[in-house]
Amino acid sequence: MTLHTSPNSVLTKVARSLVVSKRFATVEGALWDMAISTVRGRVSYYRRRIKRMENKYGMDFDKFTTRLKGKATPEQEDDWLAWKSARSMLMDWQKTYQDLRHEQNR
């Protein structure tokens, strides 16, 4: 049997339970906190991925890119692509975080 529950109703149920347990004063406050917390977690995740690459190669992305030109191994190319992707995702999640904070303070 498959349950057909909308994401909104799931989030609202969770938020209501947090209000009932007196962790938040309002459902809206609980939802804002869950959203911001989730986005902050994604920012942290991509920062850790980038830091691991910097530690692995002992340099930042720009220096790594310069060193690879014309002489990258397949592993280095894979790492370069993963690193580039992590940087892009970090910027996207940071913008989302800023947008949420701005919207919350309106």
PDB file of N, CA and C in Angstrom:
ATOM      1  N   MET A   1       0.842  -1.177   0.000  1.00  0.00           N
ATOM      2  CA  MET A   1       0.000   0.000   0.000  1.00  0.00           C
ATOM      3  C   MET A   1       0.891   1.245   0.000  1.00  0.00           C
ATOM      4  N   THR A   2       0.614   2.171  -0.872  1.00  0.00           N
ATOM      5  CA  THR A   2       1.369   3.406  -0.988  1.00  0.00           C
ATOM      6  C   THR A   2       0.579   4.553  -0.365  1.00  0.00           C
ATOM      7  N   LEU A   3       1.254   5.315   0.458  1.00  0.00           N
ATOM      8  CA  LEU A   3       0.627   6.488   1.048  1.00  0.00           C
ATOM      9  C   LEU A   3       0.875   7.680   0.148  1.00  0.00           C
ATOM     10  N   HIS A   4      -0.146   8.452  -0.081  1.00  0.00           N
ATOM     11  CA  HIS A   4      -0.016   9.644  -0.911  1.00  0.00           C
ATOM     12  C   HIS A   4      -0.095  10.873  -0.016  1.00  0.00           C
ATOM     13  N   THR A   5       1.035  11.225   0.531  1.00  0.00           N
ATOM     14  CA  THR A   5       1.124  12.361   1.431  1.00  0.00           C
ATOM     15  C   THR A   5       1.969  13.432   0.768  1.00  0.00           C
ATOM     16  N   SER A   6       1.474  14.637   0.778  1.00  0.00           N
ATOM     17  CA  SER A   6       2.222  15.727   0.147  1.00  0.00           C
ATOM     18  C   SER A   6       3.379  16.154   1.042  1.00  0.00           C
ATOM     19  N   PRO A   7       4.437  16.629   0.425  1.00  0.00           N
ATOM     20  CA  PRO A   7       5.566  17.136   1.225  1.00  0.00           C
ATOM     21  C   PRO A   7       5.144  18.243   2.189  1.00  0.00           C
ATOM     22  N   ASN A   8       4.218  19.088   1.748  1.00  0.00           N
ATOM     23  CA  ASN A   8       3.752  20.183   2.621  1.00  0.00           C
ATOM     24  C   ASN A   8       3.095  19.645   3.880  1.00  0.00           C
ATOM     25  N   SER A   9       2.285  18.600   3.721  1.00  0.00           N
ATOM     26  CA  SER A   9       1.603  18.077   4.908  1.00  0.00           C
ATOM     27  C   SER A   9       2.588  17.409   5.858  1.00  0.00           C
ATOM     28  N   VAL A  10       3.618  16.773   5.322  1.00  0.00           N
ATOM     29  CA  VAL A  10       4.642  16.165   6.174  1.00  0.00           C
ATOM     30  C   VAL A  10       5.377  17.237   6.961  1.00  0.00           C
ATOM     31  N   LEU A  11       5.808  18.286   6.266  1.00  0.00           N
ATOM     32  CA  LEU A  11       6.521  19.372   6.943  1.00  0.00           C
ATOM     33  C   LEU A  11       5.643  20.057   7.989  1.00  0.00           C
ATOM     34  N   THR A  12       4.399  20.252   7.658  1.00  0.00           N
ATOM     35  CA  THR A  12       3.484  20.884   8.611  1.00  0.00           C
ATOM     36  C   THR A  12       3.286  20.009   9.846  1.00  0.00           C
ATOM     37  N   LYS A  13       3.164  18.707   9.650  1.00  0.00           N
ATOM     38  CA  LYS A  13       3.018  17.794  10.792  1.00  0.00           C
ATOM     39  C   LYS A  13       4.241  17.843  11.697  1.00  0.00           C
ATOM     40  N   VAL A  14       5.410  17.839  11.088  1.00  0.00           N
ATOM     41  CA  VAL A  14       6.640  17.918  11.877  1.00  0.00           C
ATOM     42  C   VAL A  14       6.693  19.241  12.626  1.00  0.00           C
ATOM     43  N   ALA A  15       6.396  20.320  11.933  1.00  0.00           N
ATOM     44  CA  ALA A  15       6.429  21.650  12.562  1.00  0.00           C
ATOM     45  C   ALA A  15       5.416  21.736  13.707  1.00  0.00           C
ATOM     46  N   ARG A  16       4.240  21.199  13.492  1.00  0.00           N
ATOM     47  CA  ARG A  16       3.229  21.226  14.559  1.00  0.00           C
ATOM     48  C   ARG A  16       3.700  20.442  15.779  1.00  0.00           C
ATOM     49  N   SER A  17       4.353  19.308  15.536  1.00  0.00           N
ATOM     50  CA  SER A  17       4.840  18.520  16.676  1.00  0.00           C
ATOM     51  C   SER A  17       5.912  19.283  17.451  1.00  0.00           C
ATOM     52  N   LEU A  18       6.707  20.080  16.753  1.00  0.00           N
ATOM     53  CA  LEU A  18       7.716  20.902  17.421  1.00  0.00           C
ATOM     54  C   LEU A  18       7.073  22.018  18.240  1.00  0.00           C
ATOM     55  N   VAL A  19       5.961  22.544  17.760  1.00  0.00           N
ATOM     56  CA  VAL A  19       5.231  23.568  18.504  1.00  0.00           C
ATOM     57  C   VAL A  19       4.585  22.942  19.736  1.00  0.00           C
ATOM     58  N   VAL A  20       3.978  21.777  19.565  1.00  0.00           N
ATOM     59  CA  VAL A  20       3.338  21.086  20.689  1.00  0.00           C
ATOM     60  C   VAL A  20       4.359  20.760  21.778  1.00  0.00           C
ATOM     61  N   SER A  21       5.564  20.371  21.363  1.00  0.00           N
ATOM     62  CA  SER A  21       6.607  20.052  22.342  1.00  0.00           C
ATOM     63  C   SER A  21       7.317  21.308  22.855  1.00  0.00           C
ATOM     64  N   LYS A  22       6.801  22.466  22.460  1.00  0.00           N
ATOM     65  CA  LYS A  22       7.283  23.776  22.928  1.00  0.00           C
ATOM     66  C   LYS A  22       8.720  24.098  22.514  1.00  0.00           C
ATOM     67  N   ARG A  23       9.145  23.513  21.410  1.00  0.00           N
ATOM     68  CA  ARG A  23      10.472  23.873  20.886  1.00  0.00           C
ATOM     69  C   ARG A  23      10.405  25.148  20.062  1.00  0.00           C
ATOM     70  N   PHE A  24       9.212  25.413  19.524  1.00  0.00           N
ATOM     71  CA  PHE A  24       8.982  26.637  18.749  1.00  0.00           C
ATOM     72  C   PHE A  24       7.639  27.208  19.143  1.00  0.00           C
ATOM     73  N   ALA A  25       7.512  28.515  19.009  1.00  0.00           N
ATOM     74  CA  ALA A  25       6.258  29.180  19.367  1.00  0.00           C
ATOM     75  C   ALA A  25       5.203  29.030  18.273  1.00  0.00           C
ATOM     76  N   THR A  26       5.663  28.967  17.015  1.00  0.00           N
ATOM     77  CA  THR A  26       4.723  28.893  15.893  1.00  0.00           C
ATOM     78  C   THR A  26       5.168  27.854  14.878  1.00  0.00           C
ATOM     79  N   VAL A  27       4.206  27.402  14.087  1.00  0.00           N
ATOM     80  CA  VAL A  27       4.510  26.472  12.995  1.00  0.00           C
ATOM     81  C   VAL A  27       5.425  27.156  11.990  1.00  0.00           C
ATOM     82  N   GLU A  28       5.134  28.410  11.692  1.00  0.00           N
ATOM     83  CA  GLU A  28       5.971  29.157  10.739  1.00  0.00           C
ATOM     84  C   GLU A  28       7.420  29.240  11.226  1.00  0.00           C
ATOM     85  N   GLY A  29       7.600  29.520  12.504  1.00  0.00           N
ATOM     86  CA  GLY A  29       8.962  29.586  13.056  1.00  0.00           C
ATOM     87  C   GLY A  29       9.681  28.259  12.941  1.00  0.00           C
ATOM     88  N   ALA A  30       8.975  27.172  13.181  1.00  0.00           N
ATOM     89  CA  ALA A  30       9.576  25.843  13.058  1.00  0.00           C
ATOM     90  C   ALA A  30       9.950  25.552  11.611  1.00  0.00           C
ATOM     91  N   LEU A  31       9.066  25.910  10.682  1.00  0.00           N
ATOM     92  CA  LEU A  31       9.356  25.678   9.263  1.00  0.00           C
ATOM     93  C   LEU A  31      10.552  26.496   8.796  1.00  0.00           C
ATOM     94  N   TRP A  32      10.631  27.762   9.210  1.00  0.00           N
ATOM     95  CA  TRP A  32      11.778  28.594   8.854  1.00  0.00           C
ATOM     96  C   TRP A  32      13.070  27.974   9.390  1.00  0.00           C
ATOM     97  N   ASP A  33      13.029  27.551  10.634  1.00  0.00           N
ATOM     98  CA  ASP A  33      14.222  26.977  11.235  1.00  0.00           C
ATOM     99  C   ASP A  33      14.651  25.700  10.507  1.00  0.00           C
ATOM    100  N   MET A  34      13.690  24.849  10.155  1.00  0.00           N
ATOM    101  CA  MET A  34      14.021  23.618   9.430  1.00  0.00           C
ATOM    102  C   MET A  34      14.642  23.935   8.071  1.00  0.00           C
ATOM    103  N   ALA A  35      14.062  24.904   7.376  1.00  0.00           N
ATOM    104  CA  ALA A  35      14.584  25.264   6.058  1.00  0.00           C
ATOM    105  C   ALA A  35      16.001  25.820   6.158  1.00  0.00           C
ATOM    106  N   ILE A  36      16.202  26.755   7.061  1.00  0.00           N
ATOM    107  CA  ILE A  36      17.519  27.379   7.210  1.00  0.00           C
ATOM    108  C   ILE A  36      18.550  26.356   7.680  1.00  0.00           C
ATOM    109  N   SER A  37      18.158  25.504   8.575  1.00  0.00           N
ATOM    110  CA  SER A  37      19.063  24.478   9.080  1.00  0.00           C
ATOM    111  C   SER A  37      19.486  23.507   7.968  1.00  0.00           C
ATOM    112  N   THR A  38      18.540  23.133   7.140  1.00  0.00           N
ATOM    113  CA  THR A  38      18.840  22.231   6.029  1.00  0.00           C
ATOM    114  C   THR A  38      19.811  22.884   5.049  1.00  0.00           C
ATOM    115  N   VAL A  39      19.551  24.120   4.705  1.00  0.00           N
ATOM    116  CA  VAL A  39      20.418  24.827   3.757  1.00  0.00           C
ATOM    117  C   VAL A  39      21.808  25.032   4.358  1.00  0.00           C
ATOM    118  N   ARG A  40      21.857  25.382   5.633  1.00  0.00           N
ATOM    119  CA  ARG A  40      23.147  25.553   6.303  1.00  0.00           C
ATOM    120  C   ARG A  40      23.938  24.240   6.286  1.00  0.00           C
ATOM    121  N   GLY A  41      23.250  23.131   6.422  1.00  0.00           N
ATOM    122  CA  GLY A  41      23.905  21.827   6.363  1.00  0.00           C
ATOM    123  C   GLY A  41      24.513  21.558   4.998  1.00  0.00           C
ATOM    124  N   ARG A  42      23.819  21.961   3.943  1.00  0.00           N
ATOM    125  CA  ARG A  42      24.357  21.782   2.585  1.00  0.00           C
ATOM    126  C   ARG A  42      25.583  22.673   2.369  1.00  0.00           C
ATOM    127  N   VAL A  43      25.544  23.891   2.891  1.00  0.00           N
ATOM    128  CA  VAL A  43      26.703  24.784   2.793  1.00  0.00           C
ATOM    129  C   VAL A  43      27.903  24.127   3.477  1.00  0.00           C
ATOM    130  N   SER A  44      27.697  23.597   4.654  1.00  0.00           N
ATOM    131  CA  SER A  44      28.787  22.932   5.391  1.00  0.00           C
ATOM    132  C   SER A  44      29.316  21.733   4.628  1.00  0.00           C
ATOM    133  N   TYR A  45      28.423  20.960   4.054  1.00  0.00           N
ATOM    134  CA  TYR A  45      28.828  19.778   3.281  1.00  0.00           C
ATOM    135  C   TYR A  45      29.761  20.160   2.133  1.00  0.00           C
ATOM    136  N   TYR A  46      29.374  21.160   1.358  1.00  0.00           N
ATOM    137  CA  TYR A  46      30.211  21.545   0.215  1.00  0.00           C
ATOM    138  C   TYR A  46      31.500  22.229   0.651  1.00  0.00           C
ATOM    139  N   ARG A  47      31.488  22.928   1.755  1.00  0.00           N
ATOM    140  CA  ARG A  47      32.744  23.491   2.283  1.00  0.00           C
ATOM    141  C   ARG A  47      33.709  22.364   2.658  1.00  0.00           C
ATOM    142  N   ARG A  48      33.184  21.306   3.280  1.00  0.00           N
ATOM    143  CA  ARG A  48      34.037  20.164   3.649  1.00  0.00           C
ATOM    144  C   ARG A  48      34.603  19.477   2.411  1.00  0.00           C
ATOM    145  N   ARG A  49      33.784  19.310   1.386  1.00  0.00           N
ATOM    146  CA  ARG A  49      34.272  18.689   0.144  1.00  0.00           C
ATOM    147  C   ARG A  49      35.410  19.499  -0.465  1.00  0.00           C
ATOM    148  N   ILE A  50      35.249  20.809  -0.504  1.00  0.00           N
ATOM    149  CA  ILE A  50      36.281  21.690  -1.055  1.00  0.00           C
ATOM    150  C   ILE A  50      37.545  21.621  -0.199  1.00  0.00           C
ATOM    151  N   LYS A  51      37.385  21.646   1.110  1.00  0.00           N
ATOM    152  CA  LYS A  51      38.536  21.577   2.023  1.00  0.00           C
ATOM    153  C   LYS A  51      39.300  20.271   1.832  1.00  0.00           C
ATOM    154  N   ARG A  52      38.580  19.163   1.652  1.00  0.00           N
ATOM    155  CA  ARG A  52      39.254  17.877   1.411  1.00  0.00           C
ATOM    156  C   ARG A  52      40.104  17.924   0.150  1.00  0.00           C
ATOM    157  N   MET A  53      39.592  18.550  -0.893  1.00  0.00           N
ATOM    158  CA  MET A  53      40.359  18.659  -2.142  1.00  0.00           C
ATOM    159  C   MET A  53      41.576  19.565  -1.947  1.00  0.00           C
ATOM    160  N   GLU A  54      41.392  20.656  -1.231  1.00  0.00           N
ATOM    161  CA  GLU A  54      42.528  21.545  -0.964  1.00  0.00           C
ATOM    162  C   GLU A  54      43.599  20.815  -0.155  1.00  0.00           C
ATOM    163  N   ASN A  55      43.179  20.029   0.801  1.00  0.00           N
ATOM    164  CA  ASN A  55      44.138  19.259   1.599  1.00  0.00           C
ATOM    165  C   ASN A  55      44.803  18.167   0.769  1.00  0.00           C
ATOM    166  N   LYS A  56      44.048  17.506  -0.071  1.00  0.00           N
ATOM    167  CA  LYS A  56      44.591  16.425  -0.909  1.00  0.00           C
ATOM    168  C   LYS A  56      45.690  16.942  -1.829  1.00  0.00           C
ATOM    169  N   TYR A  57      45.462  18.109  -2.427  1.00  0.00           N
ATOM    170  CA  TYR A  57      46.417  18.631  -3.405  1.00  0.00           C
ATOM    171  C   TYR A  57      47.311  19.739  -2.863  1.00  0.00           C
ATOM    172  N   GLY A  58      47.045  20.199  -1.657  1.00  0.00           N
ATOM    173  CA  GLY A  58      47.891  21.222  -1.046  1.00  0.00           C
ATOM    174  C   GLY A  58      47.820  22.574  -1.719  1.00  0.00           C
ATOM    175  N   MET A  59      46.684  22.868  -2.328  1.00  0.00           N
ATOM    176  CA  MET A  59      46.521  24.156  -3.021  1.00  0.00           C
ATOM    177  C   MET A  59      45.038  24.430  -3.234  1.00  0.00           C
ATOM    178  N   ASP A  60      44.740  25.660  -3.644  1.00  0.00           N
ATOM    179  CA  ASP A  60      43.354  25.995  -3.944  1.00  0.00           C
ATOM    180  C   ASP A  60      43.007  25.578  -5.374  1.00  0.00           C
ATOM    181  N   PHE A  61      41.749  25.724  -5.715  1.00  0.00           N
ATOM    182  CA  PHE A  61      41.242  25.277  -7.012  1.00  0.00           C
ATOM    183  C   PHE A  61      41.934  25.976  -8.179  1.00  0.00           C
ATOM    184  N   ASP A  62      42.134  27.276  -8.068  1.00  0.00           N
ATOM    185  CA  ASP A  62      42.738  28.023  -9.175  1.00  0.00           C
ATOM    186  C   ASP A  62      44.165  27.549  -9.470  1.00  0.00           C
ATOM    187  N   LYS A  63      44.954  27.336  -8.427  1.00  0.00           N
ATOM    188  CA  LYS A  63      46.321  26.832  -8.631  1.00  0.00           C
ATOM    189  C   LYS A  63      46.288  25.418  -9.214  1.00  0.00           C
ATOM    190  N   PHE A  64      45.373  24.606  -8.706  1.00  0.00           N
ATOM    191  CA  PHE A  64      45.228  23.240  -9.203  1.00  0.00           C
ATOM    192  C   PHE A  64      44.881  23.256 -10.696  1.00  0.00           C
ATOM    193  N   THR A  65      43.974  24.142 -11.081  1.00  0.00           N
ATOM    194  CA  THR A  65      43.571  24.259 -12.482  1.00  0.00           C
ATOM    195  C   THR A  65      44.767  24.633 -13.355  1.00  0.00           C
ATOM    196  N   THR A  66      45.545  25.590 -12.891  1.00  0.00           N
ATOM    197  CA  THR A  66      46.719  26.041 -13.649  1.00  0.00           C
ATOM    198  C   THR A  66      47.731  24.908 -13.807  1.00  0.00           C
ATOM    199  N   ARG A  67      47.978  24.166 -12.743  1.00  0.00           N
ATOM    200  CA  ARG A  67      48.955  23.070 -12.787  1.00  0.00           C
ATOM    201  C   ARG A  67      48.530  21.923 -13.692  1.00  0.00           C
ATOM    202  N   LEU A  68      47.228  21.734 -13.867  1.00  0.00           N
ATOM    203  CA  LEU A  68      46.738  20.598 -14.647  1.00  0.00           C
ATOM    204  C   LEU A  68      46.792  20.806 -16.146  1.00  0.00           C
ATOM    205  N   LYS A  69      46.829  22.028 -16.586  1.00  0.00           N
ATOM    206  CA  LYS A  69      46.718  22.313 -18.018  1.00  0.00           C
ATOM    207  C   LYS A  69      47.685  21.460 -18.839  1.00  0.00           C
ATOM    208  N   GLY A  70      47.097  20.589 -19.664  1.00  0.00           N
ATOM    209  CA  GLY A  70      47.863  19.775 -20.594  1.00  0.00           C
ATOM    210  C   GLY A  70      48.555  18.568 -20.003  1.00  0.00           C
ATOM    211  N   LYS A  71      48.426  18.318 -18.702  1.00  0.00           N
ATOM    212  CA  LYS A  71      49.145  17.183 -18.129  1.00  0.00           C
ATOM    213  C   LYS A  71      48.384  16.481 -17.000  1.00  0.00           C
ATOM    214  N   ALA A  72      47.084  16.547 -17.031  1.00  0.00           N
ATOM    215  CA  ALA A  72      46.275  15.942 -15.970  1.00  0.00           C
ATOM    216  C   ALA A  72      46.104  14.447 -16.196  1.00  0.00           C
ATOM    217  N   THR A  73      46.142  13.705 -15.105  1.00  0.00           N
ATOM    218  CA  THR A  73      45.814  12.277 -15.154  1.00  0.00           C
ATOM    219  C   THR A  73      44.284  12.146 -15.130  1.00  0.00           C
ATOM    220  N   PRO A  74      43.754  10.987 -15.494  1.00  0.00           N
ATOM    221  CA  PRO A  74      42.300  10.803 -15.412  1.00  0.00           C
ATOM    222  C   PRO A  74      41.758  11.047 -13.995  1.00  0.00           C
ATOM    223  N   GLU A  75      42.500  10.620 -12.966  1.00  0.00           N
ATOM    224  CA  GLU A  75      42.059  10.854 -11.592  1.00  0.00           C
ATOM    225  C   GLU A  75      42.015  12.348 -11.287  1.00  0.00           C
ATOM    226  N   GLN A  76      43.033  13.072 -11.725  1.00  0.00           N
ATOM    227  CA  GLN A  76      43.061  14.514 -11.493  1.00  0.00           C
ATOM    228  C   GLN A  76      41.925  15.221 -12.232  1.00  0.00           C
ATOM    229  N   GLU A  77      41.617  14.752 -13.432  1.00  0.00           N
ATOM    230  CA  GLU A  77      40.500  15.333 -14.173  1.00  0.00           C
ATOM    231  C   GLU A  77      39.186  15.094 -13.435  1.00  0.00           C
ATOM    232  N   ASP A  78      39.014  13.887 -12.921  1.00  0.00           N
ATOM    233  CA  ASP A  78      37.806  13.577 -12.140  1.00  0.00           C
ATOM    234  C   ASP A  78      37.726  14.464 -10.900  1.00  0.00           C
ATOM    235  N   ASP A  79      38.852  14.609 -10.202  1.00  0.00           N
ATOM    236  CA  ASP A  79      38.884  15.461  -9.012  1.00  0.00           C
ATOM    237  C   ASP A  79      38.611  16.918  -9.372  1.00  0.00           C
ATOM    238  N   TRP A  80      39.166  17.371 -10.483  1.00  0.00           N
ATOM    239  CA  TRP A  80      38.940  18.751 -10.918  1.00  0.00           C
ATOM    240  C   TRP A  80      37.451  18.995 -11.149  1.00  0.00           C
ATOM    241  N   LEU A  81      36.807  18.052 -11.827  1.00  0.00           N
ATOM    242  CA  LEU A  81      35.383  18.200 -12.114  1.00  0.00           C
ATOM    243  C   LEU A  81      34.552  18.172 -10.828  1.00  0.00           C
ATOM    244  N   ALA A  82      34.882  17.264  -9.903  1.00  0.00           N
ATOM    245  CA  ALA A  82      34.173  17.194  -8.618  1.00  0.00           C
ATOM    246  C   ALA A  82      34.388  18.475  -7.819  1.00  0.00           C
ATOM    247  N   TRP A  83      35.603  18.989  -7.851  1.00  0.00           N
ATOM    248  CA  TRP A  83      35.946  20.219  -7.134  1.00  0.00           C
ATOM    249  C   TRP A  83      35.194  21.405  -7.719  1.00  0.00           C
ATOM    250  N   LYS A  84      35.184  21.493  -9.039  1.00  0.00           N
ATOM    251  CA  LYS A  84      34.462  22.575  -9.718  1.00  0.00           C
ATOM    252  C   LYS A  84      32.974  22.501  -9.375  1.00  0.00           C
ATOM    253  N   SER A  85      32.425  21.315  -9.402  1.00  0.00           N
ATOM    254  CA  SER A  85      31.015  21.126  -9.070  1.00  0.00           C
ATOM    255  C   SER A  85      30.724  21.532  -7.630  1.00  0.00           C
ATOM    256  N   ALA A  86      31.601  21.142  -6.707  1.00  0.00           N
ATOM    257  CA  ALA A  86      31.416  21.489  -5.293  1.00  0.00           C
ATOM    258  C   ALA A  86      31.440  23.006  -5.105  1.00  0.00           C
ATOM    259  N   ARG A  87      32.326  23.684  -5.809  1.00  0.00           N
ATOM    260  CA  ARG A  87      32.390  25.148  -5.715  1.00  0.00           C
ATOM    261  C   ARG A  87      31.100  25.789  -6.225  1.00  0.00           C
ATOM    262  N   SER A  88      30.593  25.274  -7.326  1.00  0.00           N
ATOM    263  CA  SER A  88      29.353  25.793  -7.899  1.00  0.00           C
ATOM    264  C   SER A  88      28.173  25.552  -6.956  1.00  0.00           C
ATOM    265  N   MET A  89      28.102  24.338  -6.417  1.00  0.00           N
ATOM    266  CA  MET A  89      27.018  24.005  -5.497  1.00  0.00           C
ATOM    267  C   MET A  89      27.106  24.843  -4.224  1.00  0.00           C
ATOM    268  N   LEU A  90      28.318  25.066  -3.737  1.00  0.00           N
ATOM    269  CA  LEU A  90      28.496  25.900  -2.548  1.00  0.00           C
ATOM    270  C   LEU A  90      27.954  27.303  -2.802  1.00  0.00           C
ATOM    271  N   MET A  91      28.289  27.878  -3.933  1.00  0.00           N
ATOM    272  CA  MET A  91      27.804  29.227  -4.245  1.00  0.00           C
ATOM    273  C   MET A  91      26.276  29.243  -4.321  1.00  0.00           C
ATOM    274  N   ASP A  92      25.683  28.219  -4.942  1.00  0.00           N
ATOM    275  CA  ASP A  92      24.229  28.150  -5.046  1.00  0.00           C
ATOM    276  C   ASP A  92      23.573  28.044  -3.672  1.00  0.00           C
ATOM    277  N   TRP A  93      24.108  27.174  -2.806  1.00  0.00           N
ATOM    278  CA  TRP A  93      23.531  27.003  -1.470  1.00  0.00           C
ATOM    279  C   TRP A  93      23.753  28.238  -0.604  1.00  0.00           C
ATOM    280  N   GLN A  94      24.899  28.911  -0.761  1.00  0.00           N
ATOM    281  CA  GLN A  94      25.133  30.145  -0.008  1.00  0.00           C
ATOM    282  C   GLN A  94      24.135  31.225  -0.416  1.00  0.00           C
ATOM    283  N   LYS A  95      23.847  31.311  -1.703  1.00  0.00           N
ATOM    284  CA  LYS A  95      22.856  32.285  -2.173  1.00  0.00           C
ATOM    285  C   LYS A  95      21.480  31.930  -1.626  1.00  0.00           C
ATOM    286  N   THR A  96      21.139  30.657  -1.642  1.00  0.00           N
ATOM    287  CA  THR A  96      19.853  30.228  -1.090  1.00  0.00           C
ATOM    288  C   THR A  96      19.759  30.586   0.384  1.00  0.00           C
ATOM    289  N   TYR A  97      20.846  30.375   1.121  1.00  0.00           N
ATOM    290  CA  TYR A  97      20.874  30.710   2.544  1.00  0.00           C
ATOM    291  C   TYR A  97      20.642  32.211   2.744  1.00  0.00           C
ATOM    292  N   GLN A  98      21.350  33.025   1.984  1.00  0.00           N
ATOM    293  CA  GLN A  98      21.191  34.477   2.101  1.00  0.00           C
ATOM    294  C   GLN A  98      19.764  34.899   1.740  1.00  0.00           C
ATOM    295  N   ASP A  99      19.212  34.301   0.698  1.00  0.00           N
ATOM    296  CA  ASP A  99      17.839  34.623   0.290  1.00  0.00           C
ATOM    297  C   ASP A  99      16.843  34.259   1.398  1.00  0.00           C
ATOM    298  N   LEU A 100      17.024  33.096   2.003  1.00  0.00           N
ATOM    299  CA  LEU A 100      16.139  32.679   3.092  1.00  0.00           C
ATOM    300  C   LEU A 100      16.244  33.627   4.281  1.00  0.00           C
ATOM    301  N   ARG A 101      17.468  33.971   4.654  1.00  0.00           N
ATOM    302  CA  ARG A 101      17.663  34.880   5.793  1.00  0.00           C
ATOM    303  C   ARG A 101      17.025  36.242   5.508  1.00  0.00           C
ATOM    304  N   HIS A 102      17.210  36.717   4.285  1.00  0.00           N
ATOM    305  CA  HIS A 102      16.630  38.003   3.900  1.00  0.00           C
ATOM    306  C   HIS A 102      15.095  37.925   3.953  1.00  0.00           C
ATOM    307  N   GLU A 103      14.547  36.876   3.393  1.00  0.00           N
ATOM    308  CA  GLU A 103      13.088  36.710   3.381  1.00  0.00           C
ATOM    309  C   GLU A 103      12.531  36.565   4.790  1.00  0.00           C
ATOM    310  N   GLN A 104      13.246  35.849   5.638  1.00  0.00           N
ATOM    311  CA  GLN A 104      12.792  35.640   7.010  1.00  0.00           C
ATOM    312  C   GLN A 104      12.735  36.960   7.779  1.00  0.00           C
ATOM    313  N   ASN A 105      13.655  37.859   7.501  1.00  0.00           N
ATOM    314  CA  ASN A 105      13.739  39.124   8.228  1.00  0.00           C
ATOM    315  C   ASN A 105      12.812  40.204   7.682  1.00  0.00           C
ATOM    316  N   ARG A 106      12.051  39.896   6.660  1.00  0.00           N
ATOM    317  CA  ARG A 106      11.126  40.888   6.079  1.00  0.00           C
ATOM    318  C   ARG A 106       9.928  41.089   6.930  1.00  0.00           C
TER     319      ARG A 106
END
